[in-house]
């Protein structure tokens, strides 16, 4: 991380190492982390900075929209809550693994899903779909 094929050049592009390999992203939080990653590498740290799952949010009138992960392509979606009636979250899975979450007025669920993805925790479809199931213990052991 932070290395380039040219030895004297330090570089960090807008990308994230997901379970499916490097993926390009464009979000302000990710851009902020790029400088940190290059700085750590230039300082000679043997350990790379931790990978963060891409995340962004936007407030649109009375709606808070949040997205975490990299959900393209996905194989299956699971909805927690009622789609179109906030709060709800849509989880994106690929080969049974959680790869992204998009929520409307459901910031706690998206934050926990982000943590699950960062820790690569396996969680069942039933747990994701059930609004009464508390994701905190799995996300924050």
Protein backbone atom coordinates (compact mmCIF):
# COMPACT_ATOMS: atom_id res chain seq x y z
CA UNK A 1 0.00 0.00 0.00
CA UNK A 2 1.48 3.32 -1.03
CA UNK A 3 4.10 1.74 -3.29
CA UNK A 4 4.44 2.30 -7.00
CA UNK A 5 6.43 0.47 -9.63
CA UNK A 6 8.82 3.43 -9.64
CA UNK A 7 10.74 3.12 -6.34
CA UNK A 8 10.88 6.85 -5.55
CA UNK A 9 7.14 7.40 -6.05
CA UNK A 10 4.57 6.92 -3.31
CA UNK A 11 1.00 6.64 -4.51
CA UNK A 12 -2.41 5.65 -3.27
CA UNK A 13 -5.37 5.54 -5.60
CA UNK A 14 -9.07 5.60 -4.77
CA UNK A 15 -9.44 1.88 -4.27
CA UNK A 16 -10.41 -0.66 -1.65
CA UNK A 17 -9.26 -4.25 -1.29
CA UNK A 18 -12.50 -6.19 -1.02
CA UNK A 19 -12.93 -9.96 -0.76
CA UNK A 20 -13.11 -9.96 -4.58
CA UNK A 21 -9.91 -7.95 -5.14
CA UNK A 22 -9.17 -4.24 -5.64
CA UNK A 23 -12.16 -2.07 -6.49
CA UNK A 24 -12.19 1.57 -7.50
CA UNK A 25 -14.19 3.95 -5.28
CA UNK A 26 -14.77 7.68 -5.10
CA UNK A 27 -15.90 8.94 -1.69
CA UNK A 28 -14.47 11.73 0.47
CA UNK A 29 -13.69 9.51 3.46
CA UNK A 30 -11.71 7.16 1.23
CA UNK A 31 -9.82 10.10 -0.27
CA UNK A 32 -8.88 11.29 3.23
CA UNK A 33 -7.54 7.83 4.12
CA UNK A 34 -5.32 7.75 1.02
CA UNK A 35 -2.96 10.38 2.44
CA UNK A 36 -2.76 8.50 5.72
CA UNK A 37 -1.91 5.24 3.93
CA UNK A 38 0.89 6.86 1.94
CA UNK A 39 2.26 8.61 5.05
CA UNK A 40 2.40 5.37 7.02
CA UNK A 41 4.20 3.65 4.16
CA UNK A 42 6.67 6.54 3.72
CA UNK A 43 7.42 6.45 7.45
CA UNK A 44 8.54 2.86 7.01
CA UNK A 45 5.75 1.06 8.82
CA UNK A 46 5.96 -2.66 8.20
CA UNK A 47 2.27 -3.03 8.90
CA UNK A 48 -0.15 -1.48 6.41
CA UNK A 49 -3.03 0.62 7.73
CA UNK A 50 -6.23 -1.38 8.22
CA UNK A 51 -8.58 -1.70 5.28
CA UNK A 52 -11.74 0.30 5.74
CA UNK A 53 -14.96 -0.57 4.02
CA UNK A 54 -15.99 2.36 1.79
CA UNK A 55 -18.81 4.37 3.32
CA UNK A 56 -20.70 7.52 2.46
CA UNK A 57 -23.87 9.28 3.49
CA UNK A 58 -26.15 12.07 2.36
CA UNK A 59 -29.05 13.90 3.96
CA UNK A 60 -31.85 14.57 1.48
CA UNK A 61 -34.64 16.53 3.15
CA UNK A 62 -35.99 14.21 5.87
CA UNK A 63 -34.08 11.16 4.61
CA UNK A 64 -30.63 10.02 5.71
CA UNK A 65 -29.07 7.79 3.05
CA UNK A 66 -26.05 5.65 3.89
CA UNK A 67 -24.08 3.15 1.84
CA UNK A 68 -21.22 0.90 2.92
CA UNK A 69 -19.24 -1.59 0.89
CA UNK A 70 -18.93 -2.29 -2.80
CA UNK A 71 -22.06 -4.02 -4.02
CA UNK A 72 -21.40 -4.56 -7.72
CA UNK A 73 -21.94 -7.18 -8.88
CA UNK A 74 -24.15 -8.86 -6.33
CA UNK A 75 -26.00 -12.13 -6.46
CA UNK A 76 -28.69 -11.61 -3.85
CA UNK A 77 -30.35 -8.83 -1.90
CA UNK A 78 -31.98 -9.02 1.52
CA UNK A 79 -34.14 -6.27 2.95
CA UNK A 80 -34.41 -5.52 6.66
CA UNK A 81 -37.60 -3.60 7.28
CA UNK A 82 -40.06 -2.62 4.57
CA UNK A 83 -38.52 -1.33 1.35
CA UNK A 84 -39.83 2.15 0.64
CA UNK A 85 -40.93 2.77 4.24
CA UNK A 86 -37.99 4.06 6.30
CA UNK A 87 -36.21 2.95 8.30
CA UNK A 88 -34.96 0.06 6.17
CA UNK A 89 -31.67 -1.40 4.93
CA UNK A 90 -30.91 -3.45 1.84
CA UNK A 91 -28.01 -5.90 2.16
CA UNK A 92 -26.11 -7.03 -0.93
CA UNK A 93 -24.56 -10.51 -0.94
CA UNK A 94 -22.20 -12.25 -3.33
CA UNK A 95 -21.77 -16.00 -2.93
CA UNK A 96 -23.40 -15.74 0.50
CA UNK A 97 -21.01 -13.01 1.76
CA UNK A 98 -22.14 -9.57 2.79
CA UNK A 99 -20.53 -7.09 0.37
CA UNK A 100 -22.61 -3.92 0.83
CA UNK A 101 -25.48 -2.30 2.71
CA UNK A 102 -27.67 0.64 1.74
CA UNK A 103 -29.94 2.18 4.35
CA UNK A 104 -32.56 4.88 4.57
CA UNK A 105 -32.94 6.43 8.04
CA UNK A 106 -31.24 3.31 9.45
CA UNK A 107 -27.72 4.50 10.28
CA UNK A 108 -27.13 2.05 13.15
CA UNK A 109 -27.77 -0.96 10.91
CA UNK A 110 -25.47 0.35 8.15
CA UNK A 111 -22.71 1.09 10.69
CA UNK A 112 -22.95 -2.45 12.06
CA UNK A 113 -23.00 -3.94 8.57
CA UNK A 114 -19.86 -1.96 7.76
CA UNK A 115 -18.14 -3.40 10.82
CA UNK A 116 -19.26 -6.92 9.85
CA UNK A 117 -17.71 -6.45 6.41
CA UNK A 118 -14.46 -5.03 7.83
CA UNK A 119 -14.13 -8.01 10.15
CA UNK A 120 -15.33 -10.42 7.42
CA UNK A 121 -17.89 -11.91 9.79
CA UNK A 122 -20.17 -14.53 8.28
CA UNK A 123 -23.80 -13.91 9.14
CA UNK A 124 -26.95 -15.70 8.02
CA UNK A 125 -29.55 -14.29 5.68
CA UNK A 126 -32.16 -14.76 8.39
CA UNK A 127 -30.17 -12.64 10.85
CA UNK A 128 -29.76 -9.86 8.30
CA UNK A 129 -33.46 -9.87 7.39
CA UNK A 130 -34.80 -9.88 10.96
CA UNK A 131 -35.17 -6.34 12.39
CA UNK A 132 -35.46 -7.81 15.90
CA UNK A 133 -32.05 -9.51 15.60
CA UNK A 134 -29.35 -7.34 17.20
CA UNK A 135 -26.28 -7.11 14.93
CA UNK A 136 -24.15 -5.44 17.64
CA UNK A 137 -22.69 -8.59 19.24
CA UNK A 138 -21.46 -9.88 15.88
CA UNK A 139 -20.16 -6.48 14.78
CA UNK A 140 -18.50 -5.56 18.09
CA UNK A 141 -17.28 -8.72 19.88
